[in-house]
Amino acid sequence: MIMDALLALHELRAPLHIMLHVLVPAFVAAVFARGRVVGAFVIMMATMLVDLDHLLAVPIYAANRCSIWFHPLHTGLPIIIYGLMMCWPLFSKSTGIVKGSRVIGWLGGGLVIHMLLDALDCLWMRCAAG
């Protein structure tokens, strides 16, 4: 019975993954955006364009392929840059460069969330494979 439930949950992996790519940014915007929830959410949703690097893969979509370390914008250096972008508003306050820092921060935050959710999906696939 438990195995049946786990198998049924695994069948929902892809739709749950897609839903989390919407729900987590919405939650983060609602908690941290301080009156700019819609703008922060829209910016973070725009970061889904990072998945355009899937178009470089053959085949373009493979249900059980881990994005992390496979697609160029899902590798180490870009992920480090996304983290730095997320922290940019903190750096910009100390340097006095504040113009556009919130947008850069939300872009970085959306990209970091995206990479974390993709890494979680990879972990789920690996655990399901046994």
N, C-alpha and C. Protein backbone atom coordinates (compact mmCIF):
# COMPACT_ATOMS: atom_id res chain seq x y z
N MET A 1 0.82 -1.19 0.00
CA MET A 1 0.00 0.00 0.00
C MET A 1 0.87 1.26 0.00
N ILE A 2 1.90 1.28 0.83
CA ILE A 2 2.80 2.44 0.87
C ILE A 2 3.54 2.56 -0.46
N MET A 3 3.97 1.44 -1.01
CA MET A 3 4.67 1.46 -2.30
C MET A 3 3.76 2.00 -3.40
N ASP A 4 2.48 1.62 -3.36
CA ASP A 4 1.53 2.12 -4.35
C ASP A 4 1.40 3.64 -4.25
N ALA A 5 1.35 4.13 -3.01
CA ALA A 5 1.24 5.58 -2.80
C ALA A 5 2.50 6.29 -3.30
N LEU A 6 3.66 5.70 -3.04
CA LEU A 6 4.91 6.30 -3.50
C LEU A 6 5.00 6.29 -5.02
N LEU A 7 4.55 5.21 -5.64
CA LEU A 7 4.56 5.14 -7.10
C LEU A 7 3.60 6.18 -7.69
N ALA A 8 2.43 6.33 -7.07
CA ALA A 8 1.47 7.33 -7.55
C ALA A 8 2.04 8.74 -7.40
N LEU A 9 2.74 8.99 -6.28
CA LEU A 9 3.36 10.29 -6.07
C LEU A 9 4.46 10.53 -7.11
N HIS A 10 5.22 9.48 -7.41
CA HIS A 10 6.28 9.62 -8.41
C HIS A 10 5.70 9.95 -9.79
N GLU A 11 4.53 9.42 -10.08
CA GLU A 11 3.88 9.74 -11.36
C GLU A 11 3.53 11.22 -11.45
N LEU A 12 3.39 11.87 -10.30
CA LEU A 12 3.04 13.30 -10.27
C LEU A 12 4.28 14.20 -10.19
N ARG A 13 5.48 13.61 -10.28
CA ARG A 13 6.71 14.38 -10.12
C ARG A 13 6.78 15.56 -11.07
N ALA A 14 6.56 15.34 -12.35
CA ALA A 14 6.69 16.43 -13.34
C ALA A 14 5.67 17.55 -13.10
N PRO A 15 4.37 17.23 -12.93
CA PRO A 15 3.44 18.34 -12.67
C PRO A 15 3.71 19.06 -11.35
N LEU A 16 4.13 18.32 -10.31
CA LEU A 16 4.47 18.97 -9.05
C LEU A 16 5.68 19.89 -9.22
N HIS A 17 6.64 19.45 -9.99
CA HIS A 17 7.83 20.26 -10.24
C HIS A 17 7.44 21.58 -10.93
N ILE A 18 6.59 21.50 -11.92
CA ILE A 18 6.14 22.71 -12.63
C ILE A 18 5.35 23.62 -11.67
N MET A 19 4.48 23.03 -10.87
CA MET A 19 3.70 23.82 -9.92
C MET A 19 4.60 24.54 -8.92
N LEU A 20 5.64 23.86 -8.45
CA LEU A 20 6.55 24.48 -7.50
C LEU A 20 7.29 25.66 -8.12
N HIS A 21 7.54 25.60 -9.43
CA HIS A 21 8.21 26.72 -10.11
C HIS A 21 7.34 27.97 -10.13
N VAL A 22 6.05 27.83 -9.85
CA VAL A 22 5.14 28.97 -9.75
C VAL A 22 4.88 29.30 -8.28
N LEU A 23 4.59 28.28 -7.48
CA LEU A 23 4.18 28.50 -6.09
C LEU A 23 5.31 29.04 -5.20
N VAL A 24 6.52 28.54 -5.38
CA VAL A 24 7.62 29.00 -4.51
C VAL A 24 7.94 30.48 -4.78
N PRO A 25 8.11 30.91 -6.05
CA PRO A 25 8.31 32.36 -6.26
C PRO A 25 7.14 33.21 -5.74
N ALA A 26 5.91 32.70 -5.88
CA ALA A 26 4.76 33.45 -5.37
C ALA A 26 4.85 33.60 -3.86
N PHE A 27 5.23 32.54 -3.18
CA PHE A 27 5.37 32.58 -1.72
C PHE A 27 6.49 33.54 -1.32
N VAL A 28 7.64 33.43 -1.99
CA VAL A 28 8.78 34.30 -1.67
C VAL A 28 8.41 35.77 -1.90
N ALA A 29 7.74 36.05 -3.00
CA ALA A 29 7.31 37.43 -3.27
C ALA A 29 6.35 37.92 -2.20
N ALA A 30 5.39 37.07 -1.82
CA ALA A 30 4.41 37.47 -0.81
C ALA A 30 5.06 37.75 0.53
N VAL A 31 6.10 37.01 0.87
CA VAL A 31 6.74 37.17 2.18
C VAL A 31 7.77 38.31 2.18
N PHE A 32 8.53 38.46 1.09
CA PHE A 32 9.68 39.36 1.12
C PHE A 32 9.56 40.63 0.27
N ALA A 33 8.53 40.78 -0.54
CA ALA A 33 8.51 41.89 -1.49
C ALA A 33 8.07 43.23 -0.92
N ARG A 34 7.54 43.28 0.25
CA ARG A 34 7.17 44.55 0.91
C ARG A 34 6.39 45.50 0.02
N GLY A 35 5.20 45.13 -0.37
CA GLY A 35 4.36 46.01 -1.16
C GLY A 35 4.59 45.95 -2.65
N ARG A 36 5.56 45.20 -3.09
CA ARG A 36 5.83 45.06 -4.52
C ARG A 36 5.71 43.59 -4.93
N VAL A 37 4.71 42.94 -4.41
CA VAL A 37 4.55 41.50 -4.60
C VAL A 37 4.40 41.14 -6.06
N VAL A 38 3.53 41.82 -6.78
CA VAL A 38 3.28 41.48 -8.18
C VAL A 38 4.54 41.67 -9.02
N GLY A 39 5.21 42.79 -8.84
CA GLY A 39 6.43 43.05 -9.60
C GLY A 39 7.50 42.01 -9.33
N ALA A 40 7.71 41.68 -8.05
CA ALA A 40 8.71 40.67 -7.70
C ALA A 40 8.34 39.32 -8.28
N PHE A 41 7.06 38.97 -8.22
CA PHE A 41 6.61 37.69 -8.76
C PHE A 41 6.83 37.64 -10.28
N VAL A 42 6.47 38.70 -10.98
CA VAL A 42 6.63 38.74 -12.44
C VAL A 42 8.11 38.61 -12.81
N ILE A 43 8.97 39.31 -12.09
CA ILE A 43 10.41 39.22 -12.37
C ILE A 43 10.90 37.80 -12.15
N MET A 44 10.50 37.19 -11.04
CA MET A 44 10.95 35.81 -10.77
C MET A 44 10.39 34.83 -11.78
N MET A 45 9.16 35.06 -12.25
CA MET A 45 8.61 34.16 -13.26
C MET A 45 9.35 34.32 -14.59
N ALA A 46 9.84 35.52 -14.86
CA ALA A 46 10.61 35.74 -16.10
C ALA A 46 11.89 34.91 -16.11
N THR A 47 12.37 34.54 -14.93
CA THR A 47 13.59 33.74 -14.88
C THR A 47 13.38 32.32 -15.41
N MET A 48 12.14 31.94 -15.66
CA MET A 48 11.88 30.62 -16.26
C MET A 48 12.49 30.55 -17.67
N LEU A 49 12.79 31.71 -18.24
CA LEU A 49 13.43 31.74 -19.56
C LEU A 49 14.80 31.08 -19.54
N VAL A 50 15.35 30.88 -18.35
CA VAL A 50 16.64 30.19 -18.24
C VAL A 50 16.53 28.78 -18.84
N ASP A 51 15.33 28.25 -18.90
CA ASP A 51 15.13 26.91 -19.46
C ASP A 51 15.23 26.89 -20.98
N LEU A 52 15.42 28.04 -21.60
CA LEU A 52 15.65 28.04 -23.05
C LEU A 52 16.92 27.28 -23.41
N ASP A 53 17.82 27.11 -22.43
CA ASP A 53 19.02 26.33 -22.73
C ASP A 53 18.70 24.85 -22.97
N HIS A 54 17.49 24.43 -22.63
CA HIS A 54 17.07 23.05 -22.94
C HIS A 54 16.98 22.84 -24.45
N LEU A 55 16.79 23.93 -25.19
CA LEU A 55 16.69 23.81 -26.65
C LEU A 55 18.00 23.36 -27.28
N LEU A 56 19.09 23.46 -26.54
CA LEU A 56 20.39 23.04 -27.05
C LEU A 56 20.63 21.54 -26.89
N ALA A 57 19.75 20.88 -26.14
CA ALA A 57 19.93 19.46 -25.86
C ALA A 57 19.25 18.60 -26.92
N VAL A 58 19.75 17.38 -27.07
CA VAL A 58 19.14 16.41 -27.96
C VAL A 58 18.90 15.15 -27.14
N PRO A 59 17.67 14.73 -26.95
CA PRO A 59 16.44 15.41 -27.34
C PRO A 59 16.21 16.64 -26.46
N ILE A 60 15.36 17.54 -26.93
CA ILE A 60 15.10 18.78 -26.21
C ILE A 60 14.52 18.48 -24.83
N TYR A 61 13.61 17.51 -24.75
CA TYR A 61 13.02 17.14 -23.46
C TYR A 61 13.24 15.66 -23.21
N ALA A 62 13.75 15.36 -22.05
CA ALA A 62 13.87 13.98 -21.59
C ALA A 62 13.35 13.95 -20.16
N ALA A 63 12.29 13.22 -19.93
CA ALA A 63 11.58 13.25 -18.65
C ALA A 63 12.48 12.94 -17.45
N ASN A 64 13.44 12.07 -17.62
CA ASN A 64 14.26 11.65 -16.49
C ASN A 64 15.69 12.16 -16.57
N ARG A 65 15.88 13.30 -17.23
CA ARG A 65 17.21 13.91 -17.31
C ARG A 65 17.31 15.03 -16.27
N CYS A 66 18.41 15.02 -15.55
CA CYS A 66 18.68 16.06 -14.56
C CYS A 66 19.22 17.30 -15.27
N SER A 67 18.59 18.43 -15.04
CA SER A 67 19.02 19.68 -15.68
C SER A 67 20.34 20.19 -15.12
N ILE A 68 20.54 20.00 -13.81
CA ILE A 68 21.73 20.53 -13.16
C ILE A 68 22.96 19.82 -13.69
N TRP A 69 23.95 20.59 -14.10
CA TRP A 69 25.22 20.17 -14.69
C TRP A 69 25.07 19.67 -16.12
N PHE A 70 23.84 19.62 -16.66
CA PHE A 70 23.66 19.15 -18.04
C PHE A 70 23.49 20.34 -18.99
N HIS A 71 22.58 21.22 -18.68
CA HIS A 71 22.30 22.38 -19.54
C HIS A 71 23.24 23.52 -19.16
N PRO A 72 23.73 24.30 -20.13
CA PRO A 72 24.76 25.30 -19.85
C PRO A 72 24.40 26.34 -18.79
N LEU A 73 23.16 26.79 -18.75
CA LEU A 73 22.77 27.79 -17.75
C LEU A 73 22.40 27.17 -16.41
N HIS A 74 22.59 25.86 -16.28
CA HIS A 74 22.30 25.13 -15.05
C HIS A 74 23.59 24.53 -14.48
N THR A 75 24.73 25.16 -14.77
CA THR A 75 26.02 24.65 -14.31
C THR A 75 26.61 25.58 -13.24
N GLY A 76 27.78 25.22 -12.75
CA GLY A 76 28.38 25.88 -11.60
C GLY A 76 28.56 27.38 -11.70
N LEU A 77 29.27 27.87 -12.71
CA LEU A 77 29.54 29.30 -12.81
C LEU A 77 28.27 30.13 -12.91
N PRO A 78 27.32 29.77 -13.79
CA PRO A 78 26.07 30.55 -13.80
C PRO A 78 25.35 30.53 -12.46
N ILE A 79 25.36 29.40 -11.78
CA ILE A 79 24.67 29.32 -10.48
C ILE A 79 25.33 30.24 -9.47
N ILE A 80 26.65 30.32 -9.49
CA ILE A 80 27.36 31.26 -8.61
C ILE A 80 26.96 32.70 -8.95
N ILE A 81 26.88 33.01 -10.23
CA ILE A 81 26.47 34.35 -10.66
C ILE A 81 25.05 34.65 -10.19
N TYR A 82 24.15 33.66 -10.28
CA TYR A 82 22.77 33.87 -9.81
C TYR A 82 22.76 34.20 -8.32
N GLY A 83 23.58 33.50 -7.55
CA GLY A 83 23.66 33.77 -6.11
C GLY A 83 24.17 35.18 -5.83
N LEU A 84 25.18 35.60 -6.60
CA LEU A 84 25.70 36.96 -6.44
C LEU A 84 24.64 38.00 -6.83
N MET A 85 23.89 37.71 -7.88
CA MET A 85 22.81 38.62 -8.29
C MET A 85 21.78 38.75 -7.18
N MET A 86 21.45 37.62 -6.54
CA MET A 86 20.46 37.64 -5.47
C MET A 86 20.93 38.52 -4.32
N CYS A 87 22.24 38.54 -4.07
CA CYS A 87 22.80 39.34 -2.98
C CYS A 87 23.13 40.76 -3.40
N TRP A 88 22.97 41.10 -4.67
CA TRP A 88 23.35 42.41 -5.17
C TRP A 88 22.73 43.57 -4.38
N PRO A 89 21.46 43.50 -3.99
CA PRO A 89 20.92 44.63 -3.21
C PRO A 89 21.70 44.88 -1.92
N LEU A 90 22.24 43.84 -1.31
CA LEU A 90 23.04 44.02 -0.09
C LEU A 90 24.37 44.70 -0.43
N PHE A 91 25.00 44.26 -1.54
CA PHE A 91 26.27 44.87 -1.96
C PHE A 91 26.06 46.31 -2.38
N SER A 92 24.96 46.57 -3.08
CA SER A 92 24.74 47.90 -3.63
C SER A 92 24.52 48.94 -2.53
N LYS A 93 23.95 48.54 -1.42
CA LYS A 93 23.77 49.49 -0.32
C LYS A 93 25.11 49.96 0.23
N SER A 94 26.06 49.04 0.31
CA SER A 94 27.37 49.42 0.86
C SER A 94 28.19 50.24 -0.12
N THR A 95 27.93 50.10 -1.42
CA THR A 95 28.69 50.85 -2.42
C THR A 95 27.98 52.12 -2.87
N GLY A 96 26.71 52.26 -2.52
CA GLY A 96 25.95 53.43 -2.93
C GLY A 96 25.29 53.29 -4.30
N ILE A 97 25.48 52.17 -4.97
CA ILE A 97 24.86 51.93 -6.28
C ILE A 97 23.54 51.20 -6.02
N VAL A 98 22.45 51.92 -6.03
CA VAL A 98 21.18 51.28 -5.70
C VAL A 98 20.22 51.21 -6.88
N LYS A 99 20.48 51.94 -7.96
CA LYS A 99 19.57 51.95 -9.09
C LYS A 99 19.49 50.56 -9.73
N GLY A 100 18.28 50.01 -9.77
CA GLY A 100 18.06 48.70 -10.38
C GLY A 100 18.47 47.52 -9.52
N SER A 101 18.93 47.78 -8.31
CA SER A 101 19.44 46.67 -7.50
C SER A 101 18.34 45.71 -7.08
N ARG A 102 17.13 46.22 -6.87
CA ARG A 102 16.03 45.31 -6.50
C ARG A 102 15.71 44.36 -7.64
N VAL A 103 15.69 44.88 -8.87
CA VAL A 103 15.39 44.03 -10.03
C VAL A 103 16.46 42.95 -10.16
N ILE A 104 17.72 43.33 -10.02
CA ILE A 104 18.81 42.34 -10.10
C ILE A 104 18.66 41.32 -8.98
N GLY A 105 18.30 41.78 -7.80
CA GLY A 105 18.11 40.87 -6.67
C GLY A 105 16.98 39.87 -6.91
N TRP A 106 15.85 40.36 -7.43
CA TRP A 106 14.73 39.47 -7.70
C TRP A 106 15.05 38.51 -8.84
N LEU A 107 15.78 38.98 -9.86
CA LEU A 107 16.21 38.07 -10.93
C LEU A 107 17.10 36.97 -10.37
N GLY A 108 18.07 37.37 -9.57
CA GLY A 108 18.95 36.38 -8.96
C GLY A 108 18.20 35.42 -8.06
N GLY A 109 17.27 35.98 -7.27
CA GLY A 109 16.46 35.12 -6.39
C GLY A 109 15.64 34.13 -7.17
N GLY A 110 15.01 34.58 -8.25
CA GLY A 110 14.23 33.66 -9.09
C GLY A 110 15.09 32.57 -9.70
N LEU A 111 16.29 32.95 -10.14
CA LEU A 111 17.20 31.95 -10.73
C LEU A 111 17.71 30.96 -9.70
N VAL A 112 18.00 31.44 -8.50
CA VAL A 112 18.45 30.54 -7.42
C VAL A 112 17.32 29.58 -7.05
N ILE A 113 16.10 30.10 -6.92
CA ILE A 113 14.95 29.24 -6.63
C ILE A 113 14.80 28.19 -7.73
N HIS A 114 14.93 28.62 -8.97
CA HIS A 114 14.80 27.71 -10.11
C HIS A 114 15.84 26.59 -10.02
N MET A 115 17.09 26.94 -9.74
CA MET A 115 18.15 25.94 -9.65
C MET A 115 17.93 25.00 -8.47
N LEU A 116 17.47 25.54 -7.34
CA LEU A 116 17.19 24.69 -6.18
C LEU A 116 16.06 23.71 -6.47
N LEU A 117 15.02 24.18 -7.14
CA LEU A 117 13.91 23.28 -7.47
C LEU A 117 14.35 22.22 -8.49
N ASP A 118 15.19 22.61 -9.45
CA ASP A 118 15.70 21.63 -10.40
C ASP A 118 16.60 20.61 -9.70
N ALA A 119 17.41 21.06 -8.74
CA ALA A 119 18.26 20.14 -7.99
C ALA A 119 17.41 19.19 -7.15
N LEU A 120 16.33 19.71 -6.57
CA LEU A 120 15.41 18.86 -5.81
C LEU A 120 14.78 17.81 -6.71
N ASP A 121 14.43 18.20 -7.93
CA ASP A 121 13.87 17.26 -8.90
C ASP A 121 14.89 16.18 -9.24
N CYS A 122 16.15 16.57 -9.40
CA CYS A 122 17.22 15.60 -9.67
C CYS A 122 17.35 14.60 -8.52
N LEU A 123 17.29 15.12 -7.31
CA LEU A 123 17.38 14.25 -6.13
C LEU A 123 16.21 13.28 -6.09
N TRP A 124 15.02 13.77 -6.40
CA TRP A 124 13.82 12.92 -6.42
C TRP A 124 14.00 11.80 -7.46
N MET A 125 14.49 12.17 -8.64
CA MET A 125 14.69 11.15 -9.69
C MET A 125 15.72 10.11 -9.24
N ARG A 126 16.79 10.58 -8.62
CA ARG A 126 17.84 9.67 -8.17
C ARG A 126 17.33 8.72 -7.09
N CYS A 127 16.56 9.26 -6.16
CA CYS A 127 16.00 8.41 -5.09
C CYS A 127 15.00 7.41 -5.63
N ALA A 128 14.20 7.83 -6.62
CA ALA A 128 13.20 6.93 -7.21
C ALA A 128 13.85 5.82 -8.01
N ALA A 129 15.04 6.10 -8.56
CA ALA A 129 15.74 5.10 -9.36
C ALA A 129 16.30 3.99 -8.48
N GLY A 130 16.42 4.26 -7.20
CA GLY A 130 16.86 3.24 -6.27
C GLY A 130 18.30 3.30 -6.08
